[in-house]
PDB file of N, CA and C in Angstrom:
ATOM      1  N   UNK A   1      -0.048 -14.728  -8.748  1.00  0.00           N
ATOM      2  CA  UNK A   1      -0.631 -13.836  -7.771  1.00  0.00           C
ATOM      3  C   UNK A   1       0.446 -13.287  -6.842  1.00  0.00           C
ATOM      4  N   UNK A   2       0.201 -12.063  -6.402  1.00  0.00           N
ATOM      5  CA  UNK A   2       1.112 -11.431  -5.455  1.00  0.00           C
ATOM      6  C   UNK A   2       0.398 -11.268  -4.114  1.00  0.00           C
ATOM      7  N   UNK A   3       1.164 -10.867  -3.106  1.00  0.00           N
ATOM      8  CA  UNK A   3       0.579 -10.654  -1.780  1.00  0.00           C
ATOM      9  C   UNK A   3       0.764  -9.208  -1.359  1.00  0.00           C
ATOM     10  N   UNK A   4      -0.120  -8.738  -0.499  1.00  0.00           N
ATOM     11  CA  UNK A   4      -0.076  -7.376   0.022  1.00  0.00           C
ATOM     12  C   UNK A   4       1.166  -7.192   0.887  1.00  0.00           C
ATOM     13  N   UNK A   5       1.834  -6.059   0.717  1.00  0.00           N
ATOM     14  CA  UNK A   5       3.028  -5.759   1.507  1.00  0.00           C
ATOM     15  C   UNK A   5       2.679  -5.436   2.950  1.00  0.00           C
ATOM     16  N   UNK A   6       1.423  -5.094   3.198  1.00  0.00           N
ATOM     17  CA  UNK A   6       1.004  -4.697   4.533  1.00  0.00           C
ATOM     18  C   UNK A   6       0.390  -5.849   5.329  1.00  0.00           C
ATOM     19  N   UNK A   7      -0.595  -6.545   4.742  1.00  0.00           N
ATOM     20  CA  UNK A   7      -1.328  -7.563   5.500  1.00  0.00           C
ATOM     21  C   UNK A   7      -1.112  -8.993   5.008  1.00  0.00           C
ATOM     22  N   UNK A   8      -0.501  -9.164   3.840  1.00  0.00           N
ATOM     23  CA  UNK A   8      -0.224 -10.499   3.321  1.00  0.00           C
ATOM     24  C   UNK A   8      -1.358 -11.129   2.534  1.00  0.00           C
ATOM     25  N   UNK A   9      -2.444 -10.398   2.320  1.00  0.00           N
ATOM     26  CA  UNK A   9      -3.575 -10.930   1.556  1.00  0.00           C
ATOM     27  C   UNK A   9      -3.184 -11.105   0.095  1.00  0.00           C
ATOM     28  N   UNK A  10      -3.799 -12.065  -0.584  1.00  0.00           N
ATOM     29  CA  UNK A  10      -3.520 -12.287  -2.004  1.00  0.00           C
ATOM     30  C   UNK A  10      -4.134 -11.172  -2.830  1.00  0.00           C
ATOM     31  N   UNK A  11      -3.373 -10.726  -3.844  1.00  0.00           N
ATOM     32  CA  UNK A  11      -3.808  -9.643  -4.723  1.00  0.00           C
ATOM     33  C   UNK A  11      -3.850 -10.120  -6.155  1.00  0.00           C
ATOM     34  N   UNK A  12      -4.689  -9.497  -6.945  1.00  0.00           N
ATOM     35  CA  UNK A  12      -4.677  -9.750  -8.384  1.00  0.00           C
ATOM     36  C   UNK A  12      -3.444  -9.072  -8.968  1.00  0.00           C
ATOM     37  N   UNK A  13      -2.934  -9.609 -10.056  1.00  0.00           N
ATOM     38  CA  UNK A  13      -1.761  -9.015 -10.701  1.00  0.00           C
ATOM     39  C   UNK A  13      -2.060  -7.583 -11.107  1.00  0.00           C
ATOM     40  N   UNK A  14      -1.143  -6.687 -10.798  1.00  0.00           N
ATOM     41  CA  UNK A  14      -1.275  -5.285 -11.168  1.00  0.00           C
ATOM     42  C   UNK A  14      -2.124  -4.452 -10.219  1.00  0.00           C
ATOM     43  N   UNK A  15      -2.570  -5.030  -9.108  1.00  0.00           N
ATOM     44  CA  UNK A  15      -3.391  -4.281  -8.152  1.00  0.00           C
ATOM     45  C   UNK A  15      -2.563  -3.174  -7.506  1.00  0.00           C
ATOM     46  N   UNK A  16      -3.142  -1.989  -7.423  1.00  0.00           N
ATOM     47  CA  UNK A  16      -2.461  -0.856  -6.814  1.00  0.00           C
ATOM     48  C   UNK A  16      -2.782  -0.788  -5.322  1.00  0.00           C
ATOM     49  N   UNK A  17      -4.015  -1.123  -4.953  1.00  0.00           N
ATOM     50  CA  UNK A  17      -4.430  -1.100  -3.557  1.00  0.00           C
ATOM     51  C   UNK A  17      -4.912  -2.482  -3.136  1.00  0.00           C
ATOM     52  N   UNK A  18      -4.659  -2.838  -1.890  1.00  0.00           N
ATOM     53  CA  UNK A  18      -5.118  -4.110  -1.337  1.00  0.00           C
ATOM     54  C   UNK A  18      -6.618  -4.007  -1.048  1.00  0.00           C
ATOM     55  N   UNK A  19      -7.422  -4.967  -1.531  1.00  0.00           N
ATOM     56  CA  UNK A  19      -8.860  -4.905  -1.256  1.00  0.00           C
ATOM     57  C   UNK A  19      -9.194  -5.174   0.214  1.00  0.00           C
ATOM     58  N   UNK A  20      -8.297  -5.828   0.945  1.00  0.00           N
ATOM     59  CA  UNK A  20      -8.549  -6.160   2.350  1.00  0.00           C
ATOM     60  C   UNK A  20      -8.215  -5.000   3.290  1.00  0.00           C
ATOM     61  N   UNK A  21      -6.987  -4.458   3.173  1.00  0.00           N
ATOM     62  CA  UNK A  21      -6.562  -3.411   4.114  1.00  0.00           C
ATOM     63  C   UNK A  21      -6.453  -2.028   3.469  1.00  0.00           C
ATOM     64  N   UNK A  22      -6.484  -1.957   2.125  1.00  0.00           N
ATOM     65  CA  UNK A  22      -6.424  -0.679   1.430  1.00  0.00           C
ATOM     66  C   UNK A  22      -5.026  -0.110   1.253  1.00  0.00           C
ATOM     67  N   UNK A  23      -3.990  -0.871   1.607  1.00  0.00           N
ATOM     68  CA  UNK A  23      -2.608  -0.391   1.506  1.00  0.00           C
ATOM     69  C   UNK A  23      -2.192  -0.208   0.052  1.00  0.00           C
ATOM     70  N   UNK A  24      -1.447   0.870  -0.206  1.00  0.00           N
ATOM     71  CA  UNK A  24      -0.914   1.156  -1.528  1.00  0.00           C
ATOM     72  C   UNK A  24       0.205   0.169  -1.826  1.00  0.00           C
ATOM     73  N   UNK A  25       0.176  -0.458  -2.990  1.00  0.00           N
ATOM     74  CA  UNK A  25       1.170  -1.462  -3.364  1.00  0.00           C
ATOM     75  C   UNK A  25       2.233  -0.912  -4.311  1.00  0.00           C
ATOM     76  N   UNK A  26       2.229   0.410  -4.536  1.00  0.00           N
ATOM     77  CA  UNK A  26       3.197   1.056  -5.414  1.00  0.00           C
ATOM     78  C   UNK A  26       4.609   0.776  -4.905  1.00  0.00           C
ATOM     79  N   UNK A  27       5.534   0.461  -5.806  1.00  0.00           N
ATOM     80  CA  UNK A  27       6.909   0.114  -5.423  1.00  0.00           C
ATOM     81  C   UNK A  27       7.561   1.240  -4.638  1.00  0.00           C
ATOM     82  N   UNK A  28       7.426   2.486  -5.114  1.00  0.00           N
ATOM     83  CA  UNK A  28       8.042   3.615  -4.426  1.00  0.00           C
ATOM     84  C   UNK A  28       7.263   4.028  -3.193  1.00  0.00           C
ATOM     85  N   UNK A  29       6.015   3.672  -3.129  1.00  0.00           N
ATOM     86  CA  UNK A  29       5.186   4.049  -1.990  1.00  0.00           C
ATOM     87  C   UNK A  29       4.627   5.443  -2.173  1.00  0.00           C
ATOM     88  N   UNK A  30       3.586   5.757  -1.433  1.00  0.00           N
ATOM     89  CA  UNK A  30       2.937   7.046  -1.584  1.00  0.00           C
ATOM     90  C   UNK A  30       3.749   8.199  -1.027  1.00  0.00           C
ATOM     91  N   UNK A  31       4.735   7.919  -0.173  1.00  0.00           N
ATOM     92  CA  UNK A  31       5.484   8.983   0.465  1.00  0.00           C
ATOM     93  C   UNK A  31       6.822   9.296  -0.171  1.00  0.00           C
ATOM     94  N   UNK A  32       7.071   8.822  -1.401  1.00  0.00           N
ATOM     95  CA  UNK A  32       8.354   9.049  -2.052  1.00  0.00           C
ATOM     96  C   UNK A  32       8.189  10.091  -3.162  1.00  0.00           C
ATOM     97  N   UNK A  33       9.024  11.104  -3.111  1.00  0.00           N
ATOM     98  CA  UNK A  33       8.954  12.203  -4.073  1.00  0.00           C
ATOM     99  C   UNK A  33       9.369  11.759  -5.475  1.00  0.00           C
ATOM    100  N   UNK A  34       8.843  12.453  -6.464  1.00  0.00           N
ATOM    101  CA  UNK A  34       9.237  12.204  -7.847  1.00  0.00           C
ATOM    102  C   UNK A  34      10.519  12.957  -8.193  1.00  0.00           C
ATOM    103  N   UNK A  35      10.955  13.856  -7.330  1.00  0.00           N
ATOM    104  CA  UNK A  35      12.188  14.612  -7.560  1.00  0.00           C
ATOM    105  C   UNK A  35      13.383  13.684  -7.412  1.00  0.00           C
ATOM    106  N   UNK A  36      14.386  13.902  -8.238  1.00  0.00           N
ATOM    107  CA  UNK A  36      15.568  13.042  -8.249  1.00  0.00           C
ATOM    108  C   UNK A  36      16.493  13.343  -7.074  1.00  0.00           C
ATOM    109  N   UNK A  37      16.922  12.295  -6.387  1.00  0.00           N
ATOM    110  CA  UNK A  37      17.845  12.419  -5.264  1.00  0.00           C
ATOM    111  C   UNK A  37      19.171  13.030  -5.703  1.00  0.00           C
ATOM    112  N   UNK A  38      19.744  12.502  -6.777  1.00  0.00           N
ATOM    113  CA  UNK A  38      21.071  12.953  -7.209  1.00  0.00           C
ATOM    114  C   UNK A  38      21.042  14.410  -7.652  1.00  0.00           C
ATOM    115  N   UNK A  39      19.983  14.836  -8.315  1.00  0.00           N
ATOM    116  CA  UNK A  39      19.856  16.238  -8.726  1.00  0.00           C
ATOM    117  C   UNK A  39      19.770  17.133  -7.502  1.00  0.00           C
ATOM    118  N   UNK A  40      18.970  16.721  -6.528  1.00  0.00           N
ATOM    119  CA  UNK A  40      18.840  17.490  -5.295  1.00  0.00           C
ATOM    120  C   UNK A  40      20.183  17.574  -4.577  1.00  0.00           C
ATOM    121  N   UNK A  41      20.901  16.468  -4.505  1.00  0.00           N
ATOM    122  CA  UNK A  41      22.204  16.438  -3.839  1.00  0.00           C
ATOM    123  C   UNK A  41      23.203  17.350  -4.534  1.00  0.00           C
ATOM    124  N   UNK A  42      23.266  17.279  -5.855  1.00  0.00           N
ATOM    125  CA  UNK A  42      24.218  18.118  -6.587  1.00  0.00           C
ATOM    126  C   UNK A  42      23.890  19.605  -6.448  1.00  0.00           C
ATOM    127  N   UNK A  43      22.611  19.943  -6.507  1.00  0.00           N
ATOM    128  CA  UNK A  43      22.216  21.338  -6.312  1.00  0.00           C
ATOM    129  C   UNK A  43      22.559  21.800  -4.897  1.00  0.00           C
ATOM    130  N   UNK A  44      22.355  20.944  -3.936  1.00  0.00           N
ATOM    131  CA  UNK A  44      22.666  21.276  -2.551  1.00  0.00           C
ATOM    132  C   UNK A  44      24.157  21.502  -2.354  1.00  0.00           C
ATOM    133  N   UNK A  45      24.970  20.621  -2.923  1.00  0.00           N
ATOM    134  CA  UNK A  45      26.420  20.731  -2.742  1.00  0.00           C
ATOM    135  C   UNK A  45      27.025  21.927  -3.473  1.00  0.00           C
ATOM    136  N   UNK A  46      26.515  22.221  -4.670  1.00  0.00           N
ATOM    137  CA  UNK A  46      27.121  23.278  -5.481  1.00  0.00           C
ATOM    138  C   UNK A  46      26.449  24.636  -5.337  1.00  0.00           C
ATOM    139  N   UNK A  47      25.147  24.652  -5.121  1.00  0.00           N
ATOM    140  CA  UNK A  47      24.411  25.916  -5.066  1.00  0.00           C
ATOM    141  C   UNK A  47      23.533  26.009  -3.818  1.00  0.00           C
ATOM    142  N   UNK A  48      23.893  25.289  -2.778  1.00  0.00           N
ATOM    143  CA  UNK A  48      23.080  25.249  -1.568  1.00  0.00           C
ATOM    144  C   UNK A  48      22.845  26.609  -0.941  1.00  0.00           C
ATOM    145  N   UNK A  49      23.851  27.458  -0.928  1.00  0.00           N
ATOM    146  CA  UNK A  49      23.714  28.783  -0.318  1.00  0.00           C
ATOM    147  C   UNK A  49      22.718  29.666  -1.063  1.00  0.00           C
ATOM    148  N   UNK A  50      22.437  29.342  -2.320  1.00  0.00           N
ATOM    149  CA  UNK A  50      21.454  30.114  -3.081  1.00  0.00           C
ATOM    150  C   UNK A  50      20.047  29.528  -2.947  1.00  0.00           C
ATOM    151  N   UNK A  51      19.929  28.375  -2.308  1.00  0.00           N
ATOM    152  CA  UNK A  51      18.634  27.745  -2.128  1.00  0.00           C
ATOM    153  C   UNK A  51      18.143  26.987  -3.352  1.00  0.00           C
ATOM    154  N   UNK A  52      19.015  26.711  -4.307  1.00  0.00           N
ATOM    155  CA  UNK A  52      18.616  26.057  -5.559  1.00  0.00           C
ATOM    156  C   UNK A  52      17.939  24.712  -5.319  1.00  0.00           C
ATOM    157  N   UNK A  53      18.445  23.944  -4.369  1.00  0.00           N
ATOM    158  CA  UNK A  53      17.846  22.637  -4.078  1.00  0.00           C
ATOM    159  C   UNK A  53      16.431  22.778  -3.528  1.00  0.00           C
ATOM    160  N   UNK A  54      16.186  23.836  -2.784  1.00  0.00           N
ATOM    161  CA  UNK A  54      14.845  24.070  -2.239  1.00  0.00           C
ATOM    162  C   UNK A  54      13.888  24.523  -3.337  1.00  0.00           C
ATOM    163  N   UNK A  55      14.357  25.343  -4.256  1.00  0.00           N
ATOM    164  CA  UNK A  55      13.520  25.717  -5.403  1.00  0.00           C
ATOM    165  C   UNK A  55      13.186  24.477  -6.225  1.00  0.00           C
ATOM    166  N   UNK A  56      14.166  23.586  -6.401  1.00  0.00           N
ATOM    167  CA  UNK A  56      13.976  22.370  -7.200  1.00  0.00           C
ATOM    168  C   UNK A  56      12.882  21.474  -6.626  1.00  0.00           C
ATOM    169  N   UNK A  57      12.832  21.326  -5.305  1.00  0.00           N
ATOM    170  CA  UNK A  57      11.825  20.450  -4.700  1.00  0.00           C
ATOM    171  C   UNK A  57      10.503  21.169  -4.431  1.00  0.00           C
ATOM    172  N   UNK A  58      10.415  22.438  -4.812  1.00  0.00           N
ATOM    173  CA  UNK A  58       9.166  23.177  -4.709  1.00  0.00           C
ATOM    174  C   UNK A  58       8.997  24.000  -3.451  1.00  0.00           C
ATOM    175  N   UNK A  59      10.019  24.100  -2.648  1.00  0.00           N
ATOM    176  CA  UNK A  59       9.947  24.890  -1.410  1.00  0.00           C
ATOM    177  C   UNK A  59      10.458  26.305  -1.698  1.00  0.00           C
ATOM    178  N   UNK A  60       9.651  27.077  -2.419  1.00  0.00           N
ATOM    179  CA  UNK A  60      10.100  28.394  -2.868  1.00  0.00           C
ATOM    180  C   UNK A  60      10.262  29.396  -1.728  1.00  0.00           C
ATOM    181  N   UNK A  61       9.433  29.305  -0.713  1.00  0.00           N
ATOM    182  CA  UNK A  61       9.545  30.238   0.414  1.00  0.00           C
ATOM    183  C   UNK A  61      10.887  30.138   1.106  1.00  0.00           C
ATOM    184  N   UNK A  62      11.295  28.919   1.456  1.00  0.00           N
ATOM    185  CA  UNK A  62      12.597  28.757   2.102  1.00  0.00           C
ATOM    186  C   UNK A  62      13.732  28.896   1.091  1.00  0.00           C
ATOM    187  N   UNK A  63      13.437  28.681  -0.176  1.00  0.00           N
ATOM    188  CA  UNK A  63      14.447  28.931  -1.213  1.00  0.00           C
ATOM    189  C   UNK A  63      14.818  30.401  -1.254  1.00  0.00           C
ATOM    190  N   UNK A  64      13.818  31.267  -1.174  1.00  0.00           N
ATOM    191  CA  UNK A  64      14.062  32.719  -1.150  1.00  0.00           C
ATOM    192  C   UNK A  64      14.823  33.094   0.124  1.00  0.00           C
ATOM    193  N   UNK A  65      14.429  32.512   1.255  1.00  0.00           N
ATOM    194  CA  UNK A  65      15.126  32.769   2.518  1.00  0.00           C
ATOM    195  C   UNK A  65      16.597  32.374   2.414  1.00  0.00           C
ATOM    196  N   UNK A  66      16.867  31.188   1.885  1.00  0.00           N
ATOM    197  CA  UNK A  66      18.243  30.731   1.713  1.00  0.00           C
ATOM    198  C   UNK A  66      19.012  31.651   0.772  1.00  0.00           C
ATOM    199  N   UNK A  67      18.356  32.135  -0.278  1.00  0.00           N
ATOM    200  CA  UNK A  67      19.018  33.002  -1.250  1.00  0.00           C
ATOM    201  C   UNK A  67      19.511  34.288  -0.584  1.00  0.00           C
ATOM    202  N   UNK A  68      18.674  34.881   0.248  1.00  0.00           N
ATOM    203  CA  UNK A  68      19.043  36.159   0.860  1.00  0.00           C
ATOM    204  C   UNK A  68      19.881  36.033   2.128  1.00  0.00           C
ATOM    205  N   UNK A  69      19.965  34.843   2.706  1.00  0.00           N
ATOM    206  CA  UNK A  69      20.759  34.654   3.929  1.00  0.00           C
ATOM    207  C   UNK A  69      21.940  33.714   3.716  1.00  0.00           C
ATOM    208  N   UNK A  70      22.271  33.436   2.455  1.00  0.00           N
ATOM    209  CA  UNK A  70      23.356  32.509   2.114  1.00  0.00           C
ATOM    210  C   UNK A  70      23.169  31.155   2.802  1.00  0.00           C
ATOM    211  N   UNK A  71      21.981  30.605   2.599  1.00  0.00           N
ATOM    212  CA  UNK A  71      21.686  29.288   3.184  1.00  0.00           C
ATOM    213  C   UNK A  71      21.624  29.345   4.690  1.00  0.00           C
ATOM    214  N   UNK A  72      21.067  30.447   5.207  1.00  0.00           N
ATOM    215  CA  UNK A  72      21.020  30.693   6.663  1.00  0.00           C
ATOM    216  C   UNK A  72      22.418  30.544   7.242  1.00  0.00           C
ATOM    217  N   UNK A  73      23.344  31.244   6.584  1.00  0.00           N
ATOM    218  CA  UNK A  73      24.761  31.276   6.962  1.00  0.00           C
ATOM    219  C   UNK A  73      25.407  29.894   6.971  1.00  0.00           C
ATOM    220  N   UNK A  74      24.919  29.024   6.121  1.00  0.00           N
ATOM    221  CA  UNK A  74      25.500  27.696   5.963  1.00  0.00           C
ATOM    222  C   UNK A  74      24.922  26.645   6.887  1.00  0.00           C
ATOM    223  N   UNK A  75      24.294  27.063   7.961  1.00  0.00           N
ATOM    224  CA  UNK A  75      23.733  26.107   8.919  1.00  0.00           C
ATOM    225  C   UNK A  75      22.554  25.366   8.304  1.00  0.00           C
ATOM    226  N   UNK A  76      21.687  26.083   7.602  1.00  0.00           N
ATOM    227  CA  UNK A  76      20.535  25.457   6.947  1.00  0.00           C
ATOM    228  C   UNK A  76      20.964  24.470   5.878  1.00  0.00           C
ATOM    229  N   UNK A  77      22.010  24.812   5.147  1.00  0.00           N
ATOM    230  CA  UNK A  77      22.526  23.924   4.103  1.00  0.00           C
ATOM    231  C   UNK A  77      23.071  22.643   4.730  1.00  0.00           C
ATOM    232  N   UNK A  78      23.785  22.773   5.832  1.00  0.00           N
ATOM    233  CA  UNK A  78      24.320  21.598   6.519  1.00  0.00           C
ATOM    234  C   UNK A  78      23.190  20.705   7.040  1.00  0.00           C
ATOM    235  N   UNK A  79      22.167  21.310   7.609  1.00  0.00           N
ATOM    236  CA  UNK A  79      21.012  20.540   8.099  1.00  0.00           C
ATOM    237  C   UNK A  79      20.315  19.835   6.934  1.00  0.00           C
ATOM    238  N   UNK A  80      20.141  20.542   5.812  1.00  0.00           N
ATOM    239  CA  UNK A  80      19.521  19.925   4.633  1.00  0.00           C
ATOM    240  C   UNK A  80      20.346  18.758   4.113  1.00  0.00           C
ATOM    241  N   UNK A  81      21.668  18.897   4.114  1.00  0.00           N
ATOM    242  CA  UNK A  81      22.545  17.815   3.656  1.00  0.00           C
ATOM    243  C   UNK A  81      22.381  16.582   4.546  1.00  0.00           C
ATOM    244  N   UNK A  82      22.379  16.780   5.842  1.00  0.00           N
ATOM    245  CA  UNK A  82      22.206  15.665   6.769  1.00  0.00           C
ATOM    246  C   UNK A  82      20.837  15.014   6.566  1.00  0.00           C
ATOM    247  N   UNK A  83      19.795  15.834   6.448  1.00  0.00           N
ATOM    248  CA  UNK A  83      18.451  15.297   6.236  1.00  0.00           C
ATOM    249  C   UNK A  83      18.346  14.543   4.912  1.00  0.00           C
ATOM    250  N   UNK A  84      18.967  15.055   3.858  1.00  0.00           N
ATOM    251  CA  UNK A  84      18.917  14.386   2.557  1.00  0.00           C
ATOM    252  C   UNK A  84      19.629  13.038   2.613  1.00  0.00           C
ATOM    253  N   UNK A  85      20.793  13.012   3.220  1.00  0.00           N
ATOM    254  CA  UNK A  85      21.573  11.770   3.276  1.00  0.00           C
ATOM    255  C   UNK A  85      20.960  10.722   4.201  1.00  0.00           C
ATOM    256  N   UNK A  86      20.178  11.156   5.187  1.00  0.00           N
ATOM    257  CA  UNK A  86      19.544  10.202   6.103  1.00  0.00           C
ATOM    258  C   UNK A  86      18.116   9.863   5.698  1.00  0.00           C
ATOM    259  N   UNK A  87      17.642  10.421   4.564  1.00  0.00           N
ATOM    260  CA  UNK A  87      16.315  10.091   4.060  1.00  0.00           C
ATOM    261  C   UNK A  87      15.183  10.833   4.734  1.00  0.00           C
ATOM    262  N   UNK A  88      15.456  12.030   5.246  1.00  0.00           N
ATOM    263  CA  UNK A  88      14.427  12.810   5.936  1.00  0.00           C
ATOM    264  C   UNK A  88      14.080  14.106   5.217  1.00  0.00           C
ATOM    265  N   UNK A  89      14.735  14.393   4.098  1.00  0.00           N
ATOM    266  CA  UNK A  89      14.484  15.633   3.357  1.00  0.00           C
ATOM    267  C   UNK A  89      13.239  15.439   2.493  1.00  0.00           C
ATOM    268  N   UNK A  90      12.292  16.366   2.589  1.00  0.00           N
ATOM    269  CA  UNK A  90      11.029  16.229   1.867  1.00  0.00           C
ATOM    270  C   UNK A  90      10.846  17.332   0.831  1.00  0.00           C
ATOM    271  N   UNK A  91       9.962  17.062  -0.138  1.00  0.00           N
ATOM    272  CA  UNK A  91       9.617  18.081  -1.131  1.00  0.00           C
ATOM    273  C   UNK A  91       8.453  18.912  -0.606  1.00  0.00           C
ATOM    274  N   UNK A  92       7.897  19.773  -1.444  1.00  0.00           N
ATOM    275  CA  UNK A  92       6.839  20.667  -1.002  1.00  0.00           C
ATOM    276  C   UNK A  92       5.532  19.935  -0.674  1.00  0.00           C
ATOM    277  N   UNK A  93       5.404  18.697  -1.109  1.00  0.00           N
ATOM    278  CA  UNK A  93       4.210  17.898  -0.814  1.00  0.00           C
ATOM    279  C   UNK A  93       4.405  16.994   0.412  1.00  0.00           C
ATOM    280  N   UNK A  94       5.551  17.114   1.052  1.00  0.00           N
ATOM    281  CA  UNK A  94       5.825  16.284   2.220  1.00  0.00           C
ATOM    282  C   UNK A  94       6.333  14.898   1.896  1.00  0.00           C
ATOM    283  N   UNK A  95       6.648  14.652   0.623  1.00  0.00           N
ATOM    284  CA  UNK A  95       7.157  13.342   0.211  1.00  0.00           C
ATOM    285  C   UNK A  95       8.674  13.320   0.333  1.00  0.00           C
ATOM    286  N   UNK A  96       9.204  12.199   0.751  1.00  0.00           N
ATOM    287  CA  UNK A  96      10.641  12.069   0.976  1.00  0.00           C
ATOM    288  C   UNK A  96      11.398  11.992  -0.345  1.00  0.00           C
ATOM    289  N   UNK A  97      12.474  12.798  -0.446  1.00  0.00           N
ATOM    290  CA  UNK A  97      13.371  12.735  -1.607  1.00  0.00           C
ATOM    291  C   UNK A  97      14.429  11.714  -1.232  1.00  0.00           C
ATOM    292  N   UNK A  98      14.390  10.550  -1.907  1.00  0.00           N
ATOM    293  CA  UNK A  98      15.356   9.516  -1.558  1.00  0.00           C
ATOM    294  C   UNK A  98      15.911   8.845  -2.799  1.00  0.00           C
ATOM    295  N   UNK A  99      17.054   8.221  -2.604  1.00  0.00           N
ATOM    296  CA  UNK A  99      17.732   7.515  -3.678  1.00  0.00           C
ATOM    297  C   UNK A  99      16.973   6.238  -3.976  1.00  0.00           C
ATOM    298  N   UNK A 100      16.477   6.104  -5.197  1.00  0.00           N
ATOM    299  CA  UNK A 100      15.658   4.931  -5.548  1.00  0.00           C
ATOM    300  C   UNK A 100      16.503   3.732  -5.947  1.00  0.00           C
ATOM    301  N   UNK A 101      17.801   3.884  -6.025  1.00  0.00           N
ATOM    302  CA  UNK A 101      18.645   2.760  -6.449  1.00  0.00           C
ATOM    303  C   UNK A 101      19.459   2.234  -5.331  1.00  0.00           C
TER     304      UNK A 101
END
């Protein structure tokens, strides 16, 4: 048997949600994006001014903005790099793009 990560209640093997508190027991958690961290980082470093990393994570509106403004003159790219490295960069669903390893 395993225990809930949130409340410590005992869970059946393979349980996704805690029957006591309802917390998601998924290893990555509900707020972690399925997009790859390393792919996002490489796109940001090599093609950041074109907005490629934003298109990759599904943020097409700001991707177009970055494309026509050269990454908001580089300032937006720098902010995205800092946010990605500190674990605050999100995809279009609001899920954090983070390194899973």
